[in-house]
């Protein structure tokens, strides 16, 4: 059994003369990322590896989560402006030693991918986190494996 956790980057800012790739997190985004990471840890959510879009807002969100988790962070350009096949490509490249992975990416791709693998309807808010159990022993079996929603958290609903 594997666990796939999808994380949309936290609330970002868009300062004048800033390219999309270089957009920083807003103060609220920084606060929400700290809050969400702590909430996941307090609820016993184990993560073996982080993989992030290299865009500043996604990578900074991932780095904030890592202040709580202290695990390996990889970046993958495929998670920036990702479509469903980009997510699958990153999944198929995972080492089978990794049982639980969190991918930090962007909308609309992250919502579209979650909707593709689930019967739920998702629209990820900033810093939204959705987790799925994947009934397989190898990530190479992802496509045909049964997938089940474990949880979906939004910052505004955390206590």
N, C-alpha and C. Protein backbone atom coordinates (compact mmCIF):
# COMPACT_ATOMS: atom_id res chain seq x y z
N UNK A 1 0.85 -1.19 0.00
CA UNK A 1 0.00 0.00 0.00
C UNK A 1 0.89 1.24 0.00
N UNK A 2 0.57 2.19 -0.86
CA UNK A 2 1.30 3.45 -0.96
C UNK A 2 0.34 4.59 -0.61
N UNK A 3 0.90 5.72 -0.26
CA UNK A 3 0.11 6.91 0.03
C UNK A 3 0.62 8.08 -0.80
N UNK A 4 -0.30 8.69 -1.53
CA UNK A 4 0.00 9.87 -2.34
C UNK A 4 -0.69 11.07 -1.70
N UNK A 5 0.09 12.08 -1.38
CA UNK A 5 -0.44 13.31 -0.77
C UNK A 5 -0.20 14.45 -1.76
N UNK A 6 -1.27 15.14 -2.12
CA UNK A 6 -1.18 16.27 -3.03
C UNK A 6 -1.35 17.55 -2.23
N UNK A 7 -0.44 18.50 -2.43
CA UNK A 7 -0.47 19.77 -1.70
C UNK A 7 -0.42 20.90 -2.72
N UNK A 8 -1.44 21.74 -2.71
CA UNK A 8 -1.36 22.96 -3.52
C UNK A 8 -0.55 23.99 -2.74
N UNK A 9 0.29 24.72 -3.42
CA UNK A 9 1.10 25.75 -2.74
C UNK A 9 0.21 26.68 -1.94
N UNK A 10 0.78 27.28 -0.91
CA UNK A 10 0.06 28.22 -0.06
C UNK A 10 -0.20 29.53 -0.81
N UNK A 11 -1.00 30.38 -0.20
CA UNK A 11 -1.39 31.66 -0.79
C UNK A 11 -0.15 32.46 -1.18
N UNK A 12 -0.16 32.90 -2.43
CA UNK A 12 1.01 33.64 -2.92
C UNK A 12 0.67 35.10 -3.19
N UNK A 13 1.70 35.84 -3.40
CA UNK A 13 1.61 37.25 -3.75
C UNK A 13 2.02 37.37 -5.21
N UNK A 14 1.77 38.51 -5.81
CA UNK A 14 2.21 38.72 -7.18
C UNK A 14 2.71 40.16 -7.30
N UNK A 15 3.92 40.39 -6.76
CA UNK A 15 4.47 41.75 -6.83
C UNK A 15 4.64 42.19 -8.29
N UNK A 16 4.56 43.49 -8.48
CA UNK A 16 4.75 44.06 -9.82
C UNK A 16 6.11 43.63 -10.38
N UNK A 17 6.15 43.40 -11.67
CA UNK A 17 7.37 43.01 -12.38
C UNK A 17 7.94 41.66 -11.91
N UNK A 18 7.06 40.77 -11.46
CA UNK A 18 7.49 39.44 -11.03
C UNK A 18 6.91 38.41 -11.98
N UNK A 19 7.77 37.55 -12.49
CA UNK A 19 7.31 36.45 -13.35
C UNK A 19 6.52 35.44 -12.50
N UNK A 20 5.60 34.72 -13.14
CA UNK A 20 4.79 33.74 -12.44
C UNK A 20 5.65 32.75 -11.65
N UNK A 21 6.72 32.26 -12.24
CA UNK A 21 7.59 31.27 -11.62
C UNK A 21 8.20 31.79 -10.31
N UNK A 22 8.41 33.08 -10.22
CA UNK A 22 9.11 33.70 -9.08
C UNK A 22 8.20 34.33 -8.04
N UNK A 23 6.91 34.04 -8.12
CA UNK A 23 5.98 34.63 -7.15
C UNK A 23 6.23 34.09 -5.74
N UNK A 24 6.35 34.99 -4.75
CA UNK A 24 6.60 34.56 -3.37
C UNK A 24 5.28 34.24 -2.65
N UNK A 25 5.41 33.64 -1.49
CA UNK A 25 4.24 33.43 -0.64
C UNK A 25 3.84 34.72 0.03
N UNK A 26 2.54 34.88 0.21
CA UNK A 26 2.01 35.99 1.00
C UNK A 26 2.13 35.62 2.47
N UNK A 27 2.03 36.60 3.34
CA UNK A 27 2.13 36.35 4.78
C UNK A 27 1.11 35.30 5.22
N UNK A 28 -0.12 35.40 4.73
CA UNK A 28 -1.15 34.41 5.07
C UNK A 28 -0.76 33.02 4.58
N UNK A 29 -0.12 32.94 3.43
CA UNK A 29 0.34 31.66 2.92
C UNK A 29 1.39 31.02 3.81
N UNK A 30 2.31 31.83 4.29
CA UNK A 30 3.34 31.33 5.20
C UNK A 30 2.71 30.80 6.48
N UNK A 31 1.76 31.55 7.03
CA UNK A 31 1.06 31.12 8.25
C UNK A 31 0.29 29.83 8.01
N UNK A 32 -0.43 29.74 6.88
CA UNK A 32 -1.22 28.54 6.58
C UNK A 32 -0.34 27.32 6.37
N UNK A 33 0.81 27.49 5.73
CA UNK A 33 1.72 26.36 5.50
C UNK A 33 2.24 25.82 6.84
N UNK A 34 2.61 26.70 7.75
CA UNK A 34 3.05 26.26 9.08
C UNK A 34 1.92 25.52 9.80
N UNK A 35 0.74 26.08 9.74
CA UNK A 35 -0.43 25.51 10.40
C UNK A 35 -0.77 24.12 9.82
N UNK A 36 -0.74 24.00 8.50
CA UNK A 36 -1.09 22.73 7.86
C UNK A 36 -0.05 21.65 8.15
N UNK A 37 1.22 22.01 8.07
CA UNK A 37 2.27 21.03 8.36
C UNK A 37 2.15 20.52 9.79
N UNK A 38 1.94 21.42 10.73
CA UNK A 38 1.79 21.03 12.13
C UNK A 38 0.56 20.14 12.31
N UNK A 39 -0.52 20.48 11.63
CA UNK A 39 -1.75 19.69 11.73
C UNK A 39 -1.54 18.27 11.22
N UNK A 40 -0.86 18.13 10.09
CA UNK A 40 -0.58 16.81 9.55
C UNK A 40 0.28 15.99 10.53
N UNK A 41 1.32 16.60 11.05
CA UNK A 41 2.21 15.91 11.98
C UNK A 41 1.44 15.50 13.24
N UNK A 42 0.64 16.41 13.80
CA UNK A 42 -0.13 16.12 15.01
C UNK A 42 -1.13 15.00 14.79
N UNK A 43 -1.55 14.80 13.55
CA UNK A 43 -2.52 13.76 13.24
C UNK A 43 -1.86 12.49 12.70
N UNK A 44 -0.56 12.39 12.90
CA UNK A 44 0.15 11.17 12.59
C UNK A 44 0.33 10.86 11.12
N UNK A 45 0.31 11.90 10.28
CA UNK A 45 0.49 11.69 8.84
C UNK A 45 1.98 11.54 8.55
N UNK A 46 2.36 10.33 8.17
CA UNK A 46 3.77 10.03 7.88
C UNK A 46 4.04 10.32 6.40
N UNK A 47 5.17 10.95 6.13
CA UNK A 47 5.59 11.24 4.76
C UNK A 47 7.06 10.87 4.64
N UNK A 48 7.38 10.09 3.60
CA UNK A 48 8.76 9.66 3.37
C UNK A 48 9.56 10.66 2.53
N UNK A 49 8.86 11.33 1.59
CA UNK A 49 9.58 12.19 0.65
C UNK A 49 8.68 13.32 0.18
N UNK A 50 9.29 14.48 -0.03
CA UNK A 50 8.62 15.63 -0.64
C UNK A 50 9.15 15.80 -2.06
N UNK A 51 8.23 16.07 -2.99
CA UNK A 51 8.63 16.45 -4.35
C UNK A 51 7.85 17.72 -4.68
N UNK A 52 8.57 18.74 -5.08
CA UNK A 52 7.95 20.04 -5.30
C UNK A 52 8.23 20.57 -6.70
N UNK A 53 7.25 21.30 -7.19
CA UNK A 53 7.50 22.18 -8.32
C UNK A 53 8.64 23.10 -7.91
N UNK A 54 9.52 23.46 -8.83
CA UNK A 54 10.60 24.38 -8.46
C UNK A 54 10.17 25.84 -8.39
N UNK A 55 8.93 26.15 -8.77
CA UNK A 55 8.45 27.53 -8.67
C UNK A 55 8.52 27.99 -7.22
N UNK A 56 8.88 29.23 -7.01
CA UNK A 56 9.16 29.75 -5.67
C UNK A 56 8.04 29.48 -4.68
N UNK A 57 6.80 29.76 -5.04
CA UNK A 57 5.70 29.62 -4.08
C UNK A 57 5.47 28.17 -3.66
N UNK A 58 5.64 27.22 -4.58
CA UNK A 58 5.48 25.80 -4.25
C UNK A 58 6.66 25.31 -3.42
N UNK A 59 7.86 25.65 -3.84
CA UNK A 59 9.05 25.21 -3.13
C UNK A 59 9.11 25.80 -1.72
N UNK A 60 8.72 27.06 -1.57
CA UNK A 60 8.72 27.67 -0.23
C UNK A 60 7.68 26.97 0.66
N UNK A 61 6.51 26.63 0.11
CA UNK A 61 5.51 25.88 0.87
C UNK A 61 6.11 24.56 1.34
N UNK A 62 6.77 23.86 0.43
CA UNK A 62 7.41 22.59 0.75
C UNK A 62 8.48 22.77 1.84
N UNK A 63 9.27 23.79 1.72
CA UNK A 63 10.33 24.04 2.71
C UNK A 63 9.73 24.33 4.09
N UNK A 64 8.60 25.01 4.13
CA UNK A 64 7.94 25.26 5.42
C UNK A 64 7.45 23.94 6.01
N UNK A 65 6.85 23.08 5.18
CA UNK A 65 6.44 21.75 5.66
C UNK A 65 7.65 20.99 6.20
N UNK A 66 8.78 21.18 5.56
CA UNK A 66 9.98 20.44 5.96
C UNK A 66 10.56 20.93 7.28
N UNK A 67 10.20 22.12 7.71
CA UNK A 67 10.60 22.57 9.05
C UNK A 67 9.98 21.68 10.11
N UNK A 68 8.86 21.05 9.77
CA UNK A 68 8.18 20.10 10.67
C UNK A 68 8.65 18.68 10.43
N UNK A 69 8.82 18.29 9.17
CA UNK A 69 9.08 16.89 8.82
C UNK A 69 10.57 16.50 8.72
N UNK A 70 11.42 17.40 8.29
CA UNK A 70 12.86 17.12 8.19
C UNK A 70 13.15 15.87 7.34
N UNK A 71 12.68 15.88 6.11
CA UNK A 71 12.90 14.76 5.19
C UNK A 71 13.48 15.29 3.87
N UNK A 72 13.74 14.38 2.96
CA UNK A 72 14.32 14.75 1.68
C UNK A 72 13.34 15.55 0.82
N UNK A 73 13.81 16.63 0.22
CA UNK A 73 13.04 17.41 -0.74
C UNK A 73 13.68 17.25 -2.12
N UNK A 74 12.88 16.85 -3.08
CA UNK A 74 13.30 16.84 -4.48
C UNK A 74 12.46 17.86 -5.22
N UNK A 75 13.00 18.43 -6.28
CA UNK A 75 12.19 19.28 -7.14
C UNK A 75 12.05 18.60 -8.50
N UNK A 76 10.92 18.87 -9.13
CA UNK A 76 10.69 18.30 -10.45
C UNK A 76 9.91 19.32 -11.29
N UNK A 77 10.53 19.74 -12.36
CA UNK A 77 9.94 20.75 -13.25
C UNK A 77 8.57 20.32 -13.80
N UNK A 78 8.34 19.01 -13.87
CA UNK A 78 7.06 18.50 -14.38
C UNK A 78 5.87 18.92 -13.51
N UNK A 79 6.13 19.32 -12.26
CA UNK A 79 5.05 19.72 -11.35
C UNK A 79 4.69 21.21 -11.48
N UNK A 80 5.38 21.93 -12.34
CA UNK A 80 5.04 23.33 -12.63
C UNK A 80 4.20 23.34 -13.90
N UNK A 81 3.02 23.97 -13.84
CA UNK A 81 2.06 23.95 -14.95
C UNK A 81 1.77 22.51 -15.38
N UNK A 82 1.59 21.66 -14.39
CA UNK A 82 1.44 20.22 -14.64
C UNK A 82 0.04 19.86 -15.15
N UNK A 83 0.02 18.86 -16.04
CA UNK A 83 -1.25 18.24 -16.39
C UNK A 83 -1.25 16.85 -15.76
N UNK A 84 -2.31 16.10 -15.99
CA UNK A 84 -2.45 14.81 -15.34
C UNK A 84 -1.29 13.86 -15.66
N UNK A 85 -0.85 13.85 -16.91
CA UNK A 85 0.23 12.94 -17.28
C UNK A 85 1.56 13.35 -16.63
N UNK A 86 1.74 14.63 -16.35
CA UNK A 86 2.95 15.06 -15.64
C UNK A 86 3.01 14.44 -14.24
N UNK A 87 1.86 14.48 -13.54
CA UNK A 87 1.82 13.88 -12.20
C UNK A 87 2.13 12.39 -12.28
N UNK A 88 1.50 11.71 -13.23
CA UNK A 88 1.74 10.28 -13.38
C UNK A 88 3.21 9.99 -13.68
N UNK A 89 3.82 10.79 -14.51
CA UNK A 89 5.23 10.61 -14.86
C UNK A 89 6.11 10.71 -13.62
N UNK A 90 5.84 11.68 -12.76
CA UNK A 90 6.61 11.84 -11.52
C UNK A 90 6.39 10.62 -10.61
N UNK A 91 5.15 10.15 -10.54
CA UNK A 91 4.83 8.98 -9.72
C UNK A 91 5.57 7.74 -10.21
N UNK A 92 5.58 7.53 -11.52
CA UNK A 92 6.25 6.35 -12.06
C UNK A 92 7.76 6.38 -11.85
N UNK A 93 8.32 7.55 -11.63
CA UNK A 93 9.76 7.68 -11.37
C UNK A 93 10.13 7.45 -9.89
N UNK A 94 9.12 7.29 -9.03
CA UNK A 94 9.40 7.13 -7.60
C UNK A 94 10.06 5.78 -7.31
N UNK A 95 10.97 5.81 -6.36
CA UNK A 95 11.60 4.60 -5.87
C UNK A 95 10.57 3.85 -5.01
N UNK A 96 10.50 2.55 -5.11
CA UNK A 96 9.52 1.78 -4.36
C UNK A 96 9.79 1.75 -2.86
N UNK A 97 10.97 2.20 -2.42
CA UNK A 97 11.23 2.35 -0.99
C UNK A 97 10.37 3.46 -0.40
N UNK A 98 9.91 4.38 -1.23
CA UNK A 98 9.07 5.49 -0.80
C UNK A 98 7.63 4.98 -0.71
N UNK A 99 7.11 4.92 0.51
CA UNK A 99 5.74 4.45 0.70
C UNK A 99 4.74 5.58 0.77
N UNK A 100 5.21 6.77 1.11
CA UNK A 100 4.34 7.93 1.23
C UNK A 100 5.06 9.15 0.67
N UNK A 101 4.45 9.79 -0.32
CA UNK A 101 5.07 10.94 -0.96
C UNK A 101 4.09 12.11 -0.95
N UNK A 102 4.60 13.30 -0.74
CA UNK A 102 3.81 14.52 -0.85
C UNK A 102 4.34 15.32 -2.03
N UNK A 103 3.43 15.67 -2.95
CA UNK A 103 3.78 16.45 -4.14
C UNK A 103 3.19 17.85 -4.00
N UNK A 104 4.04 18.85 -4.17
CA UNK A 104 3.65 20.25 -4.04
C UNK A 104 3.55 20.83 -5.45
N UNK A 105 2.34 21.30 -5.81
CA UNK A 105 2.14 21.77 -7.17
C UNK A 105 1.12 22.90 -7.19
N UNK A 106 0.48 23.09 -8.33
CA UNK A 106 -0.34 24.26 -8.61
C UNK A 106 -1.70 23.86 -9.17
N UNK A 107 -2.64 24.79 -9.10
CA UNK A 107 -3.91 24.60 -9.79
C UNK A 107 -3.73 25.13 -11.20
N UNK A 108 -4.40 24.65 -12.13
CA UNK A 108 -5.53 23.74 -12.14
C UNK A 108 -5.10 22.30 -12.19
N UNK A 109 -3.84 22.06 -12.44
CA UNK A 109 -3.33 20.72 -12.60
C UNK A 109 -3.57 19.81 -11.42
N UNK A 110 -3.34 20.31 -10.21
CA UNK A 110 -3.47 19.45 -9.03
C UNK A 110 -4.92 19.04 -8.81
N UNK A 111 -5.85 19.96 -9.02
CA UNK A 111 -7.27 19.62 -8.89
C UNK A 111 -7.70 18.65 -9.98
N UNK A 112 -7.26 18.89 -11.20
CA UNK A 112 -7.61 18.01 -12.31
C UNK A 112 -7.08 16.59 -12.08
N UNK A 113 -5.85 16.49 -11.57
CA UNK A 113 -5.28 15.17 -11.31
C UNK A 113 -6.05 14.46 -10.20
N UNK A 114 -6.36 15.18 -9.12
CA UNK A 114 -7.13 14.58 -8.01
C UNK A 114 -8.49 14.10 -8.52
N UNK A 115 -9.12 14.88 -9.37
CA UNK A 115 -10.42 14.47 -9.92
C UNK A 115 -10.29 13.26 -10.83
N UNK A 116 -9.17 13.12 -11.49
CA UNK A 116 -8.96 11.98 -12.38
C UNK A 116 -8.82 10.67 -11.59
N UNK A 117 -8.19 10.73 -10.42
CA UNK A 117 -7.93 9.50 -9.67
C UNK A 117 -8.98 9.22 -8.60
N UNK A 118 -9.98 10.07 -8.47
CA UNK A 118 -10.96 9.92 -7.40
C UNK A 118 -12.38 10.12 -7.92
N UNK A 119 -13.31 9.57 -7.20
CA UNK A 119 -14.72 9.81 -7.52
C UNK A 119 -15.23 11.10 -6.89
N UNK A 120 -14.41 11.71 -6.04
CA UNK A 120 -14.76 12.99 -5.43
C UNK A 120 -14.58 14.10 -6.45
N UNK A 121 -15.13 15.25 -6.16
CA UNK A 121 -14.89 16.44 -7.00
C UNK A 121 -14.06 17.40 -6.16
N UNK A 122 -12.88 17.73 -6.67
CA UNK A 122 -11.96 18.57 -5.93
C UNK A 122 -11.71 19.89 -6.62
N UNK A 123 -11.60 20.91 -5.80
CA UNK A 123 -11.06 22.18 -6.20
C UNK A 123 -10.14 22.59 -5.05
N UNK A 124 -8.85 22.37 -5.23
CA UNK A 124 -7.89 22.62 -4.17
C UNK A 124 -7.77 24.11 -3.90
N UNK A 125 -8.03 24.53 -2.66
CA UNK A 125 -7.71 25.92 -2.29
C UNK A 125 -6.20 26.01 -2.06
N UNK A 126 -5.69 27.20 -1.92
CA UNK A 126 -4.27 27.33 -1.60
C UNK A 126 -4.00 26.63 -0.27
N UNK A 127 -2.93 25.87 -0.23
CA UNK A 127 -2.49 25.06 0.90
C UNK A 127 -3.46 23.93 1.24
N UNK A 128 -4.32 23.59 0.29
CA UNK A 128 -5.19 22.43 0.46
C UNK A 128 -4.36 21.16 0.31
N UNK A 129 -4.74 20.13 1.08
CA UNK A 129 -4.01 18.86 1.08
C UNK A 129 -5.01 17.71 0.92
N UNK A 130 -4.76 16.88 -0.07
CA UNK A 130 -5.57 15.68 -0.27
C UNK A 130 -4.67 14.46 -0.27
N UNK A 131 -5.10 13.40 0.42
CA UNK A 131 -4.30 12.18 0.48
C UNK A 131 -5.10 10.99 -0.03
N UNK A 132 -4.41 10.11 -0.72
CA UNK A 132 -5.03 8.94 -1.32
C UNK A 132 -4.22 7.70 -0.99
N UNK A 133 -4.92 6.62 -0.63
CA UNK A 133 -4.23 5.33 -0.52
C UNK A 133 -4.23 4.72 -1.92
N UNK A 134 -3.11 4.14 -2.27
CA UNK A 134 -2.94 3.52 -3.58
C UNK A 134 -2.64 2.04 -3.30
N UNK A 135 -3.54 1.16 -3.71
CA UNK A 135 -3.41 -0.26 -3.41
C UNK A 135 -2.43 -0.92 -4.37
N UNK A 136 -1.14 -0.74 -4.06
CA UNK A 136 -0.08 -1.33 -4.87
C UNK A 136 1.19 -1.46 -4.03
N UNK A 137 2.08 -2.31 -4.50
CA UNK A 137 3.38 -2.46 -3.83
C UNK A 137 4.47 -1.69 -4.56
N UNK A 138 4.21 -1.37 -5.82
CA UNK A 138 5.17 -0.64 -6.64
C UNK A 138 4.46 0.54 -7.30
N UNK A 139 5.14 1.67 -7.34
CA UNK A 139 4.56 2.85 -7.99
C UNK A 139 4.29 2.59 -9.47
N UNK A 140 4.97 1.62 -10.04
CA UNK A 140 4.75 1.29 -11.45
C UNK A 140 3.35 0.71 -11.70
N UNK A 141 2.67 0.31 -10.63
CA UNK A 141 1.31 -0.24 -10.71
C UNK A 141 0.24 0.83 -10.50
N UNK A 142 0.65 2.09 -10.41
CA UNK A 142 -0.26 3.18 -10.05
C UNK A 142 -1.52 3.24 -10.92
N UNK A 143 -1.36 3.19 -12.22
CA UNK A 143 -2.49 3.42 -13.12
C UNK A 143 -3.66 2.48 -12.85
N UNK A 144 -3.39 1.19 -12.65
CA UNK A 144 -4.47 0.22 -12.48
C UNK A 144 -4.79 -0.08 -11.02
N UNK A 145 -4.10 0.53 -10.10
CA UNK A 145 -4.33 0.28 -8.68
C UNK A 145 -5.60 0.97 -8.20
N UNK A 146 -6.26 0.37 -7.23
CA UNK A 146 -7.41 1.02 -6.59
C UNK A 146 -6.90 2.20 -5.78
N UNK A 147 -7.64 3.31 -5.87
CA UNK A 147 -7.26 4.53 -5.17
C UNK A 147 -8.43 4.97 -4.31
N UNK A 148 -8.12 5.37 -3.10
CA UNK A 148 -9.17 5.77 -2.16
C UNK A 148 -8.76 7.06 -1.44
N UNK A 149 -9.68 8.01 -1.38
CA UNK A 149 -9.43 9.25 -0.63
C UNK A 149 -9.30 8.94 0.85
N UNK A 150 -8.21 9.39 1.45
CA UNK A 150 -8.01 9.25 2.89
C UNK A 150 -8.49 10.49 3.64
N UNK A 151 -8.13 11.67 3.11
CA UNK A 151 -8.57 12.92 3.71
C UNK A 151 -8.37 14.07 2.73
N UNK A 152 -9.07 15.15 3.01
CA UNK A 152 -8.91 16.39 2.26
C UNK A 152 -9.05 17.53 3.27
N UNK A 153 -7.96 18.27 3.45
CA UNK A 153 -7.93 19.35 4.45
C UNK A 153 -7.74 20.69 3.76
N UNK A 154 -8.44 21.69 4.28
CA UNK A 154 -8.29 23.07 3.85
C UNK A 154 -7.86 23.90 5.06
N UNK A 155 -6.98 24.86 4.87
CA UNK A 155 -6.52 25.66 6.00
C UNK A 155 -7.66 26.30 6.81
N UNK A 156 -8.69 26.77 6.12
CA UNK A 156 -9.77 27.46 6.83
C UNK A 156 -10.57 26.54 7.74
N UNK A 157 -10.46 25.19 7.54
CA UNK A 157 -11.22 24.25 8.35
C UNK A 157 -10.41 23.62 9.49
N UNK A 158 -9.14 24.00 9.60
CA UNK A 158 -8.31 23.44 10.68
C UNK A 158 -8.62 24.12 11.99
N UNK A 159 -8.55 23.35 13.03
CA UNK A 159 -8.81 23.91 14.37
C UNK A 159 -7.51 24.35 15.00
